[in-house]
Structure formats: C-alpha cells, structure tokens
Amino acid sequence: MGYRSDVYIGISKEVKAWALINENWPSILNDADETSEEYNATFYDYRGWKWYDSYPEIAKLSDFFAAIDEQFQTDTSYAFVRLGEEYEDIEVSGQPWEFGIEVHRTIERYSR
C-alpha cells in the first residue's frame, strides 16, 4: 500500500500563464479542482497520493516550484502544502497564507 500524503496546491493565474507559454507546465496539474477569483488562482487537491521525489511527475513538480521561486519574487505566485500520514510530516513551500490555505489538525471523539 505504501505511505500516502494529501497535497493542496494553489497557482496564481500569472504563474500558470507563464508556465504554459514557456512549456514547463507539469502534466500532473492538468486537472483543476477549483478556480478562485478572490485569490486570482487555480487550486489542486490530491488525496492519498504516493508523494515520493523519486517519482518522475513529483520530481517535475518540485522542479516547477524551484523555477517559480527563481522567476517570481512575489508573495502570491504559488502555495504548496503536503500532509503525510505521520503527525509531524508537513511540508510547505510558497506562501499558503496568501492563498487562504491553512492546516488544521484536530482531535475528535466519536460516539459508538
């Protein structure tokens, strides 16, 4: 079965246009889950993914984020949050707070 992660990504319209024009848009981002006029961005939600850097599509996405960091100097270019199965396994890059993305972990008790 393997270790799985939940991933949430926000990409500004400006970055998306730049990536498509320069033909470096990662194919993993071809399906948008939601667009937001409020944040001027497109959001991608991946649940239960095997998120290993050794996987080609994941490596390409990591390279894409590095290219964004190099090309854009704004706080609203992209957001990336990955939650692993382990409680302390959280990876963040870009500026999630600028896209309205927050991480909440809660403890809840359910009735039987």
PDB file of N, CA and C in Angstrom:
ATOM      1  N   MET A   1       0.816  -1.174   0.000  1.00  0.00           N
ATOM      2  CA  MET A   1       0.000   0.000   0.000  1.00  0.00           C
ATOM      3  C   MET A   1       0.873   1.255   0.000  1.00  0.00           C
ATOM      4  N   GLY A   2       1.808   1.372   0.913  1.00  0.00           N
ATOM      5  CA  GLY A   2       2.738   2.490   0.885  1.00  0.00           C
ATOM      6  C   GLY A   2       2.274   3.694   1.663  1.00  0.00           C
ATOM      7  N   TYR A   3       3.189   4.571   1.883  1.00  0.00           N
ATOM      8  CA  TYR A   3       2.961   5.822   2.602  1.00  0.00           C
ATOM      9  C   TYR A   3       2.252   6.809   1.692  1.00  0.00           C
ATOM     10  N   ARG A   4       1.216   7.422   2.183  1.00  0.00           N
ATOM     11  CA  ARG A   4       0.432   8.334   1.347  1.00  0.00           C
ATOM     12  C   ARG A   4       0.345   9.717   1.965  1.00  0.00           C
ATOM     13  N   SER A   5       0.160  10.704   1.106  1.00  0.00           N
ATOM     14  CA  SER A   5       0.075  12.097   1.530  1.00  0.00           C
ATOM     15  C   SER A   5      -1.129  12.767   0.896  1.00  0.00           C
ATOM     16  N   ASP A   6      -1.597  13.818   1.561  1.00  0.00           N
ATOM     17  CA  ASP A   6      -2.598  14.712   0.997  1.00  0.00           C
ATOM     18  C   ASP A   6      -1.873  16.001   0.626  1.00  0.00           C
ATOM     19  N   VAL A   7      -2.159  16.512  -0.569  1.00  0.00           N
ATOM     20  CA  VAL A   7      -1.454  17.678  -1.081  1.00  0.00           C
ATOM     21  C   VAL A   7      -2.463  18.701  -1.575  1.00  0.00           C
ATOM     22  N   TYR A   8      -2.199  19.963  -1.251  1.00  0.00           N
ATOM     23  CA  TYR A   8      -3.033  21.057  -1.733  1.00  0.00           C
ATOM     24  C   TYR A   8      -2.110  22.121  -2.326  1.00  0.00           C
ATOM     25  N   ILE A   9      -2.424  22.543  -3.551  1.00  0.00           N
ATOM     26  CA  ILE A   9      -1.574  23.483  -4.292  1.00  0.00           C
ATOM     27  C   ILE A   9      -2.431  24.623  -4.817  1.00  0.00           C
ATOM     28  N   GLY A  10      -1.905  25.832  -4.724  1.00  0.00           N
ATOM     29  CA  GLY A  10      -2.509  26.997  -5.359  1.00  0.00           C
ATOM     30  C   GLY A  10      -1.502  27.610  -6.313  1.00  0.00           C
ATOM     31  N   ILE A  11      -1.927  27.907  -7.526  1.00  0.00           N
ATOM     32  CA  ILE A  11      -1.060  28.512  -8.546  1.00  0.00           C
ATOM     33  C   ILE A  11      -1.750  29.780  -9.054  1.00  0.00           C
ATOM     34  N   SER A  12      -1.043  30.899  -8.996  1.00  0.00           N
ATOM     35  CA  SER A  12      -1.631  32.145  -9.490  1.00  0.00           C
ATOM     36  C   SER A  12      -1.838  32.063 -11.005  1.00  0.00           C
ATOM     37  N   LYS A  13      -2.796  32.840 -11.495  1.00  0.00           N
ATOM     38  CA  LYS A  13      -3.053  32.872 -12.945  1.00  0.00           C
ATOM     39  C   LYS A  13      -1.823  33.357 -13.704  1.00  0.00           C
ATOM     40  N   GLU A  14      -1.095  34.291 -13.127  1.00  0.00           N
ATOM     41  CA  GLU A  14       0.125  34.819 -13.763  1.00  0.00           C
ATOM     42  C   GLU A  14       1.170  33.713 -13.943  1.00  0.00           C
ATOM     43  N   VAL A  15       1.377  32.925 -12.915  1.00  0.00           N
ATOM     44  CA  VAL A  15       2.352  31.823 -12.986  1.00  0.00           C
ATOM     45  C   VAL A  15       1.884  30.765 -13.979  1.00  0.00           C
ATOM     46  N   LYS A  16       0.601  30.462 -13.953  1.00  0.00           N
ATOM     47  CA  LYS A  16       0.078  29.450 -14.886  1.00  0.00           C
ATOM     48  C   LYS A  16       0.287  29.898 -16.330  1.00  0.00           C
ATOM     49  N   ALA A  17      -0.014  31.157 -16.633  1.00  0.00           N
ATOM     50  CA  ALA A  17       0.188  31.676 -17.993  1.00  0.00           C
ATOM     51  C   ALA A  17       1.658  31.599 -18.384  1.00  0.00           C
ATOM     52  N   TRP A  18       2.542  32.015 -17.481  1.00  0.00           N
ATOM     53  CA  TRP A  18       3.984  31.957 -17.729  1.00  0.00           C
ATOM     54  C   TRP A  18       4.430  30.521 -18.025  1.00  0.00           C
ATOM     55  N   ALA A  19       3.957  29.580 -17.226  1.00  0.00           N
ATOM     56  CA  ALA A  19       4.365  28.181 -17.399  1.00  0.00           C
ATOM     57  C   ALA A  19       3.849  27.598 -18.709  1.00  0.00           C
ATOM     58  N   LEU A  20       2.622  27.922 -19.067  1.00  0.00           N
ATOM     59  CA  LEU A  20       2.069  27.403 -20.325  1.00  0.00           C
ATOM     60  C   LEU A  20       2.795  27.994 -21.532  1.00  0.00           C
ATOM     61  N   ILE A  21       3.097  29.283 -21.488  1.00  0.00           N
ATOM     62  CA  ILE A  21       3.821  29.935 -22.586  1.00  0.00           C
ATOM     63  C   ILE A  21       5.220  29.341 -22.740  1.00  0.00           C
ATOM     64  N   ASN A  22       5.872  29.074 -21.620  1.00  0.00           N
ATOM     65  CA  ASN A  22       7.235  28.537 -21.648  1.00  0.00           C
ATOM     66  C   ASN A  22       7.288  27.007 -21.684  1.00  0.00           C
ATOM     67  N   GLU A  23       6.144  26.406 -21.831  1.00  0.00           N
ATOM     68  CA  GLU A  23       6.017  24.948 -21.959  1.00  0.00           C
ATOM     69  C   GLU A  23       6.698  24.186 -20.816  1.00  0.00           C
ATOM     70  N   ASN A  24       6.545  24.698 -19.606  1.00  0.00           N
ATOM     71  CA  ASN A  24       7.072  23.945 -18.464  1.00  0.00           C
ATOM     72  C   ASN A  24       5.975  23.648 -17.442  1.00  0.00           C
ATOM     73  N   TRP A  25       4.730  23.577 -17.913  1.00  0.00           N
ATOM     74  CA  TRP A  25       3.588  23.248 -17.066  1.00  0.00           C
ATOM     75  C   TRP A  25       3.598  21.753 -16.761  1.00  0.00           C
ATOM     76  N   PRO A  26       3.663  21.358 -15.486  1.00  0.00           N
ATOM     77  CA  PRO A  26       3.680  19.929 -15.134  1.00  0.00           C
ATOM     78  C   PRO A  26       2.345  19.269 -15.467  1.00  0.00           C
ATOM     79  N   SER A  27       2.379  18.157 -16.150  1.00  0.00           N
ATOM     80  CA  SER A  27       1.146  17.474 -16.549  1.00  0.00           C
ATOM     81  C   SER A  27       0.312  17.029 -15.355  1.00  0.00           C
ATOM     82  N   ILE A  28       0.945  16.862 -14.207  1.00  0.00           N
ATOM     83  CA  ILE A  28       0.211  16.466 -13.003  1.00  0.00           C
ATOM     84  C   ILE A  28      -0.837  17.528 -12.632  1.00  0.00           C
ATOM     85  N   LEU A  29      -0.658  18.758 -13.114  1.00  0.00           N
ATOM     86  CA  LEU A  29      -1.582  19.846 -12.797  1.00  0.00           C
ATOM     87  C   LEU A  29      -2.616  20.092 -13.892  1.00  0.00           C
ATOM     88  N   ASN A  30      -2.823  19.140 -14.772  1.00  0.00           N
ATOM     89  CA  ASN A  30      -3.765  19.353 -15.866  1.00  0.00           C
ATOM     90  C   ASN A  30      -5.220  19.428 -15.425  1.00  0.00           C
ATOM     91  N   ASP A  31      -5.550  18.834 -14.313  1.00  0.00           N
ATOM     92  CA  ASP A  31      -6.933  18.846 -13.844  1.00  0.00           C
ATOM     93  C   ASP A  31      -7.078  19.766 -12.645  1.00  0.00           C
ATOM     94  N   ALA A  32      -7.775  20.869 -12.846  1.00  0.00           N
ATOM     95  CA  ALA A  32      -8.003  21.819 -11.755  1.00  0.00           C
ATOM     96  C   ALA A  32      -9.233  21.405 -10.974  1.00  0.00           C
ATOM     97  N   ASP A  33      -9.143  21.499  -9.671  1.00  0.00           N
ATOM     98  CA  ASP A  33     -10.293  21.215  -8.829  1.00  0.00           C
ATOM     99  C   ASP A  33     -11.169  22.446  -8.637  1.00  0.00           C
ATOM    100  N   GLU A  34     -10.552  23.620  -8.611  1.00  0.00           N
ATOM    101  CA  GLU A  34     -11.313  24.822  -8.308  1.00  0.00           C
ATOM    102  C   GLU A  34     -10.513  26.049  -8.736  1.00  0.00           C
ATOM    103  N   THR A  35     -11.209  27.019  -9.284  1.00  0.00           N
ATOM    104  CA  THR A  35     -10.567  28.307  -9.533  1.00  0.00           C
ATOM    105  C   THR A  35     -11.177  29.323  -8.584  1.00  0.00           C
ATOM    106  N   SER A  36     -10.418  30.349  -8.266  1.00  0.00           N
ATOM    107  CA  SER A  36     -10.875  31.353  -7.319  1.00  0.00           C
ATOM    108  C   SER A  36     -10.555  32.742  -7.847  1.00  0.00           C
ATOM    109  N   GLU A  37     -11.581  33.526  -8.054  1.00  0.00           N
ATOM    110  CA  GLU A  37     -11.372  34.919  -8.450  1.00  0.00           C
ATOM    111  C   GLU A  37     -10.824  35.710  -7.268  1.00  0.00           C
ATOM    112  N   GLU A  38     -11.241  35.349  -6.057  1.00  0.00           N
ATOM    113  CA  GLU A  38     -10.785  36.057  -4.862  1.00  0.00           C
ATOM    114  C   GLU A  38      -9.267  36.026  -4.742  1.00  0.00           C
ATOM    115  N   TYR A  39      -8.669  34.868  -5.007  1.00  0.00           N
ATOM    116  CA  TYR A  39      -7.217  34.727  -4.913  1.00  0.00           C
ATOM    117  C   TYR A  39      -6.527  34.779  -6.274  1.00  0.00           C
ATOM    118  N   ASN A  40      -7.305  34.944  -7.354  1.00  0.00           N
ATOM    119  CA  ASN A  40      -6.742  35.015  -8.697  1.00  0.00           C
ATOM    120  C   ASN A  40      -5.848  33.802  -8.968  1.00  0.00           C
ATOM    121  N   ALA A  41      -6.387  32.616  -8.648  1.00  0.00           N
ATOM    122  CA  ALA A  41      -5.580  31.394  -8.692  1.00  0.00           C
ATOM    123  C   ALA A  41      -6.424  30.179  -9.026  1.00  0.00           C
ATOM    124  N   THR A  42      -5.713  29.104  -9.333  1.00  0.00           N
ATOM    125  CA  THR A  42      -6.322  27.793  -9.508  1.00  0.00           C
ATOM    126  C   THR A  42      -5.774  26.891  -8.414  1.00  0.00           C
ATOM    127  N   PHE A  43      -6.640  26.042  -7.866  1.00  0.00           N
ATOM    128  CA  PHE A  43      -6.257  25.158  -6.759  1.00  0.00           C
ATOM    129  C   PHE A  43      -6.362  23.698  -7.174  1.00  0.00           C
ATOM    130  N   TYR A  44      -5.456  22.908  -6.632  1.00  0.00           N
ATOM    131  CA  TYR A  44      -5.371  21.477  -6.941  1.00  0.00           C
ATOM    132  C   TYR A  44      -5.337  20.714  -5.625  1.00  0.00           C
ATOM    133  N   ASP A  45      -6.169  19.678  -5.527  1.00  0.00           N
ATOM    134  CA  ASP A  45      -6.319  18.915  -4.293  1.00  0.00           C
ATOM    135  C   ASP A  45      -6.073  17.443  -4.601  1.00  0.00           C
ATOM    136  N   TYR A  46      -5.030  16.885  -4.007  1.00  0.00           N
ATOM    137  CA  TYR A  46      -4.666  15.487  -4.237  1.00  0.00           C
ATOM    138  C   TYR A  46      -4.725  14.748  -2.904  1.00  0.00           C
ATOM    139  N   ARG A  47      -5.544  13.714  -2.823  1.00  0.00           N
ATOM    140  CA  ARG A  47      -5.706  12.952  -1.583  1.00  0.00           C
ATOM    141  C   ARG A  47      -5.189  11.531  -1.765  1.00  0.00           C
ATOM    142  N   GLY A  48      -4.425  11.089  -0.765  1.00  0.00           N
ATOM    143  CA  GLY A  48      -3.953   9.710  -0.757  1.00  0.00           C
ATOM    144  C   GLY A  48      -2.909   9.393  -1.811  1.00  0.00           C
ATOM    145  N   TRP A  49      -2.063  10.369  -2.134  1.00  0.00           N
ATOM    146  CA  TRP A  49      -1.041  10.170  -3.161  1.00  0.00           C
ATOM    147  C   TRP A  49       0.233   9.598  -2.569  1.00  0.00           C
ATOM    148  N   LYS A  50       0.907   8.769  -3.333  1.00  0.00           N
ATOM    149  CA  LYS A  50       2.263   8.348  -3.000  1.00  0.00           C
ATOM    150  C   LYS A  50       3.172   9.457  -3.512  1.00  0.00           C
ATOM    151  N   TRP A  51       3.628  10.299  -2.612  1.00  0.00           N
ATOM    152  CA  TRP A  51       4.337  11.522  -2.954  1.00  0.00           C
ATOM    153  C   TRP A  51       5.819  11.344  -2.678  1.00  0.00           C
ATOM    154  N   TYR A  52       6.513  10.684  -3.616  1.00  0.00           N
ATOM    155  CA  TYR A  52       7.947  10.424  -3.476  1.00  0.00           C
ATOM    156  C   TYR A  52       8.711  11.222  -4.526  1.00  0.00           C
ATOM    157  N   ASP A  53       9.814  11.856  -4.113  1.00  0.00           N
ATOM    158  CA  ASP A  53      10.623  12.627  -5.056  1.00  0.00           C
ATOM    159  C   ASP A  53      11.192  11.764  -6.177  1.00  0.00           C
ATOM    160  N   SER A  54      11.280  10.471  -5.960  1.00  0.00           N
ATOM    161  CA  SER A  54      11.816   9.577  -6.992  1.00  0.00           C
ATOM    162  C   SER A  54      10.816   9.338  -8.130  1.00  0.00           C
ATOM    163  N   TYR A  55       9.541   9.693  -7.930  1.00  0.00           N
ATOM    164  CA  TYR A  55       8.551   9.546  -8.992  1.00  0.00           C
ATOM    165  C   TYR A  55       8.725  10.708  -9.972  1.00  0.00           C
ATOM    166  N   PRO A  56       8.805  10.433 -11.270  1.00  0.00           N
ATOM    167  CA  PRO A  56       9.084  11.490 -12.255  1.00  0.00           C
ATOM    168  C   PRO A  56       8.118  12.680 -12.199  1.00  0.00           C
ATOM    169  N   GLU A  57       6.817  12.420 -12.049  1.00  0.00           N
ATOM    170  CA  GLU A  57       5.859  13.531 -12.037  1.00  0.00           C
ATOM    171  C   GLU A  57       6.012  14.396 -10.780  1.00  0.00           C
ATOM    172  N   ILE A  58       6.420  13.797  -9.673  1.00  0.00           N
ATOM    173  CA  ILE A  58       6.646  14.549  -8.443  1.00  0.00           C
ATOM    174  C   ILE A  58       7.940  15.355  -8.558  1.00  0.00           C
ATOM    175  N   ALA A  59       8.977  14.763  -9.128  1.00  0.00           N
ATOM    176  CA  ALA A  59      10.241  15.478  -9.347  1.00  0.00           C
ATOM    177  C   ALA A  59      10.026  16.674 -10.269  1.00  0.00           C
ATOM    178  N   LYS A  60       9.201  16.499 -11.308  1.00  0.00           N
ATOM    179  CA  LYS A  60       8.933  17.600 -12.225  1.00  0.00           C
ATOM    180  C   LYS A  60       8.190  18.730 -11.515  1.00  0.00           C
ATOM    181  N   LEU A  61       7.282  18.380 -10.629  1.00  0.00           N
ATOM    182  CA  LEU A  61       6.564  19.395  -9.875  1.00  0.00           C
ATOM    183  C   LEU A  61       7.511  20.148  -8.942  1.00  0.00           C
ATOM    184  N   SER A  62       8.419  19.441  -8.298  1.00  0.00           N
ATOM    185  CA  SER A  62       9.421  20.089  -7.434  1.00  0.00           C
ATOM    186  C   SER A  62      10.299  21.046  -8.248  1.00  0.00           C
ATOM    187  N   ASP A  63      10.704  20.620  -9.434  1.00  0.00           N
ATOM    188  CA  ASP A  63      11.488  21.493 -10.322  1.00  0.00           C
ATOM    189  C   ASP A  63      10.680  22.722 -10.745  1.00  0.00           C
ATOM    190  N   PHE A  64       9.390  22.523 -10.969  1.00  0.00           N
ATOM    191  CA  PHE A  64       8.496  23.614 -11.344  1.00  0.00           C
ATOM    192  C   PHE A  64       8.440  24.666 -10.234  1.00  0.00           C
ATOM    193  N   PHE A  65       8.309  24.220  -8.989  1.00  0.00           N
ATOM    194  CA  PHE A  65       8.279  25.166  -7.868  1.00  0.00           C
ATOM    195  C   PHE A  65       9.607  25.920  -7.754  1.00  0.00           C
ATOM    196  N   ALA A  66      10.717  25.226  -7.974  1.00  0.00           N
ATOM    197  CA  ALA A  66      12.032  25.884  -7.939  1.00  0.00           C
ATOM    198  C   ALA A  66      12.124  26.944  -9.036  1.00  0.00           C
ATOM    199  N   ALA A  67      11.600  26.651 -10.223  1.00  0.00           N
ATOM    200  CA  ALA A  67      11.604  27.618 -11.323  1.00  0.00           C
ATOM    201  C   ALA A  67      10.737  28.833 -10.984  1.00  0.00           C
ATOM    202  N   ILE A  68       9.607  28.597 -10.325  1.00  0.00           N
ATOM    203  CA  ILE A  68       8.750  29.716  -9.909  1.00  0.00           C
ATOM    204  C   ILE A  68       9.502  30.602  -8.919  1.00  0.00           C
ATOM    205  N   ASP A  69      10.154  29.971  -7.946  1.00  0.00           N
ATOM    206  CA  ASP A  69      10.917  30.735  -6.948  1.00  0.00           C
ATOM    207  C   ASP A  69      11.987  31.599  -7.606  1.00  0.00           C
ATOM    208  N   GLU A  70      12.583  31.076  -8.657  1.00  0.00           N
ATOM    209  CA  GLU A  70      13.638  31.803  -9.364  1.00  0.00           C
ATOM    210  C   GLU A  70      13.071  32.935 -10.230  1.00  0.00           C
ATOM    211  N   GLN A  71      11.931  32.691 -10.856  1.00  0.00           N
ATOM    212  CA  GLN A  71      11.358  33.638 -11.814  1.00  0.00           C
ATOM    213  C   GLN A  71      10.539  34.745 -11.150  1.00  0.00           C
ATOM    214  N   PHE A  72       9.793  34.401 -10.110  1.00  0.00           N
ATOM    215  CA  PHE A  72       8.855  35.343  -9.497  1.00  0.00           C
ATOM    216  C   PHE A  72       9.313  35.699  -8.092  1.00  0.00           C
ATOM    217  N   GLN A  73       9.195  36.952  -7.758  1.00  0.00           N
ATOM    218  CA  GLN A  73       9.592  37.425  -6.430  1.00  0.00           C
ATOM    219  C   GLN A  73       8.389  37.959  -5.661  1.00  0.00           C
ATOM    220  N   THR A  74       7.218  37.429  -5.946  1.00  0.00           N
ATOM    221  CA  THR A  74       6.008  37.913  -5.269  1.00  0.00           C
ATOM    222  C   THR A  74       5.542  36.900  -4.239  1.00  0.00           C
ATOM    223  N   ASP A  75       4.724  37.381  -3.321  1.00  0.00           N
ATOM    224  CA  ASP A  75       4.169  36.504  -2.288  1.00  0.00           C
ATOM    225  C   ASP A  75       2.947  35.739  -2.755  1.00  0.00           C
ATOM    226  N   THR A  76       2.496  36.003  -3.956  1.00  0.00           N
ATOM    227  CA  THR A  76       1.263  35.366  -4.412  1.00  0.00           C
ATOM    228  C   THR A  76       1.467  34.551  -5.686  1.00  0.00           C
ATOM    229  N   SER A  77       2.619  33.920  -5.823  1.00  0.00           N
ATOM    230  CA  SER A  77       2.879  33.132  -7.028  1.00  0.00           C
ATOM    231  C   SER A  77       2.360  31.701  -6.887  1.00  0.00           C
ATOM    232  N   TYR A  78       2.602  31.047  -5.747  1.00  0.00           N
ATOM    233  CA  TYR A  78       2.091  29.693  -5.546  1.00  0.00           C
ATOM    234  C   TYR A  78       2.086  29.329  -4.071  1.00  0.00           C
ATOM    235  N   ALA A  79       1.362  28.254  -3.794  1.00  0.00           N
ATOM    236  CA  ALA A  79       1.313  27.691  -2.443  1.00  0.00           C
ATOM    237  C   ALA A  79       1.330  26.171  -2.566  1.00  0.00           C
ATOM    238  N   PHE A  80       2.056  25.525  -1.664  1.00  0.00           N
ATOM    239  CA  PHE A  80       2.137  24.064  -1.651  1.00  0.00           C
ATOM    240  C   PHE A  80       2.132  23.596  -0.196  1.00  0.00           C
ATOM    241  N   VAL A  81       1.225  22.673   0.110  1.00  0.00           N
ATOM    242  CA  VAL A  81       1.183  22.058   1.439  1.00  0.00           C
ATOM    243  C   VAL A  81       0.983  20.557   1.248  1.00  0.00           C
ATOM    244  N   ARG A  82       1.871  19.776   1.887  1.00  0.00           N
ATOM    245  CA  ARG A  82       1.750  18.314   1.859  1.00  0.00           C
ATOM    246  C   ARG A  82       1.667  17.806   3.295  1.00  0.00           C
ATOM    247  N   LEU A  83       0.646  17.012   3.567  1.00  0.00           N
ATOM    248  CA  LEU A  83       0.487  16.374   4.868  1.00  0.00           C
ATOM    249  C   LEU A  83       0.705  14.880   4.701  1.00  0.00           C
ATOM    250  N   GLY A  84       1.726  14.368   5.363  1.00  0.00           N
ATOM    251  CA  GLY A  84       1.979  12.941   5.338  1.00  0.00           C
ATOM    252  C   GLY A  84       1.149  12.218   6.379  1.00  0.00           C
ATOM    253  N   GLU A  85       1.246  10.914   6.405  1.00  0.00           N
ATOM    254  CA  GLU A  85       0.493  10.123   7.366  1.00  0.00           C
ATOM    255  C   GLU A  85       0.972  10.350   8.796  1.00  0.00           C
ATOM    256  N   GLU A  86       2.260  10.597   8.974  1.00  0.00           N
ATOM    257  CA  GLU A  86       2.806  10.843  10.305  1.00  0.00           C
ATOM    258  C   GLU A  86       2.427  12.257  10.748  1.00  0.00           C
ATOM    259  N   TYR A  87       2.123  12.422  12.024  1.00  0.00           N
ATOM    260  CA  TYR A  87       1.628  13.695  12.549  1.00  0.00           C
ATOM    261  C   TYR A  87       2.561  14.866  12.238  1.00  0.00           C
ATOM    262  N   GLU A  88       3.855  14.675  12.402  1.00  0.00           N
ATOM    263  CA  GLU A  88       4.807  15.773  12.210  1.00  0.00           C
ATOM    264  C   GLU A  88       5.264  15.928  10.754  1.00  0.00           C
ATOM    265  N   ASP A  89       4.778  15.106   9.853  1.00  0.00           N
ATOM    266  CA  ASP A  89       5.207  15.145   8.455  1.00  0.00           C
ATOM    267  C   ASP A  89       4.375  16.165   7.670  1.00  0.00           C
ATOM    268  N   ILE A  90       4.834  17.412   7.692  1.00  0.00           N
ATOM    269  CA  ILE A  90       4.194  18.507   6.966  1.00  0.00           C
ATOM    270  C   ILE A  90       5.272  19.221   6.154  1.00  0.00           C
ATOM    271  N   GLU A  91       4.995  19.413   4.885  1.00  0.00           N
ATOM    272  CA  GLU A  91       5.914  20.141   4.003  1.00  0.00           C
ATOM    273  C   GLU A  91       5.170  21.341   3.433  1.00  0.00           C
ATOM    274  N   VAL A  92       5.791  22.497   3.486  1.00  0.00           N
ATOM    275  CA  VAL A  92       5.178  23.732   2.995  1.00  0.00           C
ATOM    276  C   VAL A  92       6.192  24.477   2.142  1.00  0.00           C
ATOM    277  N   SER A  93       5.742  25.006   0.999  1.00  0.00           N
ATOM    278  CA  SER A  93       6.570  25.913   0.209  1.00  0.00           C
ATOM    279  C   SER A  93       5.660  26.941  -0.445  1.00  0.00           C
ATOM    280  N   GLY A  94       6.269  27.969  -0.972  1.00  0.00           N
ATOM    281  CA  GLY A  94       5.464  29.077  -1.478  1.00  0.00           C
ATOM    282  C   GLY A  94       4.876  29.839  -0.305  1.00  0.00           C
ATOM    283  N   GLN A  95       3.702  30.409  -0.502  1.00  0.00           N
ATOM    284  CA  GLN A  95       3.054  31.220   0.523  1.00  0.00           C
ATOM    285  C   GLN A  95       1.594  30.805   0.699  1.00  0.00           C
ATOM    286  N   PRO A  96       1.340  29.686   1.390  1.00  0.00           N
ATOM    287  CA  PRO A  96      -0.044  29.214   1.544  1.00  0.00           C
ATOM    288  C   PRO A  96      -0.984  30.246   2.163  1.00  0.00           C
ATOM    289  N   TRP A  97      -0.481  31.030   3.126  1.00  0.00           N
ATOM    290  CA  TRP A  97      -1.322  32.022   3.797  1.00  0.00           C
ATOM    291  C   TRP A  97      -1.831  33.082   2.836  1.00  0.00           C
ATOM    292  N   GLU A  98      -1.117  33.330   1.747  1.00  0.00           N
ATOM    293  CA  GLU A  98      -1.553  34.306   0.752  1.00  0.00           C
ATOM    294  C   GLU A  98      -2.670  33.751  -0.138  1.00  0.00           C
ATOM    295  N   PHE A  99      -2.898  32.446  -0.076  1.00  0.00           N
ATOM    296  CA  PHE A  99      -3.935  31.790  -0.865  1.00  0.00           C
ATOM    297  C   PHE A  99      -5.082  31.300   0.013  1.00  0.00           C
ATOM    298  N   GLY A 100      -5.075  31.692   1.269  1.00  0.00           N
ATOM    299  CA  GLY A 100      -6.136  31.274   2.184  1.00  0.00           C
ATOM    300  C   GLY A 100      -6.059  29.812   2.574  1.00  0.00           C
ATOM    301  N   ILE A 101      -4.870  29.226   2.534  1.00  0.00           N
ATOM    302  CA  ILE A 101      -4.692  27.809   2.860  1.00  0.00           C
ATOM    303  C   ILE A 101      -4.105  27.699   4.265  1.00  0.00           C
ATOM    304  N   GLU A 102      -4.771  26.927   5.109  1.00  0.00           N
ATOM    305  CA  GLU A 102      -4.311  26.686   6.474  1.00  0.00           C
ATOM    306  C   GLU A 102      -4.357  25.201   6.759  1.00  0.00           C
ATOM    307  N   VAL A 103      -3.516  24.768   7.683  1.00  0.00           N
ATOM    308  CA  VAL A 103      -3.527  23.377   8.136  1.00  0.00           C
ATOM    309  C   VAL A 103      -4.185  23.343   9.505  1.00  0.00           C
ATOM    310  N   HIS A 104      -5.176  22.463   9.649  1.00  0.00           N
ATOM    311  CA  HIS A 104      -5.836  22.247  10.935  1.00  0.00           C
ATOM    312  C   HIS A 104      -5.811  20.757  11.230  1.00  0.00           C
ATOM    313  N   ARG A 105      -5.234  20.395  12.340  1.00  0.00           N
ATOM    314  CA  ARG A 105      -5.300  19.013  12.811  1.00  0.00           C
ATOM    315  C   ARG A 105      -6.091  19.045  14.106  1.00  0.00           C
ATOM    316  N   THR A 106      -7.090  18.190  14.203  1.00  0.00           N
ATOM    317  CA  THR A 106      -7.939  18.207  15.378  1.00  0.00           C
ATOM    318  C   THR A 106      -8.045  16.814  15.976  1.00  0.00           C
ATOM    319  N   ILE A 107      -8.399  16.796  17.236  1.00  0.00           N
ATOM    320  CA  ILE A 107      -8.727  15.537  17.910  1.00  0.00           C
ATOM    321  C   ILE A 107     -10.222  15.547  18.143  1.00  0.00           C
ATOM    322  N   GLU A 108     -10.865  14.489  17.726  1.00  0.00           N
ATOM    323  CA  GLU A 108     -12.301  14.386  17.907  1.00  0.00           C
ATOM    324  C   GLU A 108     -12.648  13.033  18.490  1.00  0.00           C
ATOM    325  N   ARG A 109     -13.685  13.007  19.276  1.00  0.00           N
ATOM    326  CA  ARG A 109     -14.164  11.751  19.855  1.00  0.00           C
ATOM    327  C   ARG A 109     -15.546  11.481  19.257  1.00  0.00           C
ATOM    328  N   TYR A 110     -15.708  10.291  18.745  1.00  0.00           N
ATOM    329  CA  TYR A 110     -16.968   9.915  18.115  1.00  0.00           C
ATOM    330  C   TYR A 110     -17.745   8.978  19.031  1.00  0.00           C
ATOM    331  N   SER A 111     -19.058   9.090  19.010  1.00  0.00           N
ATOM    332  CA  SER A 111     -19.923   8.180  19.774  1.00  0.00           C
ATOM    333  C   SER A 111     -19.999   6.836  19.082  1.00  0.00           C
ATOM    334  N   ARG A 112     -20.200   5.816  19.883  1.00  0.00           N
ATOM    335  CA  ARG A 112     -20.352   4.470  19.294  1.00  0.00           C
ATOM    336  C   ARG A 112     -21.779   4.168  18.984  1.00  0.00           C
TER     337      ARG A 112
END
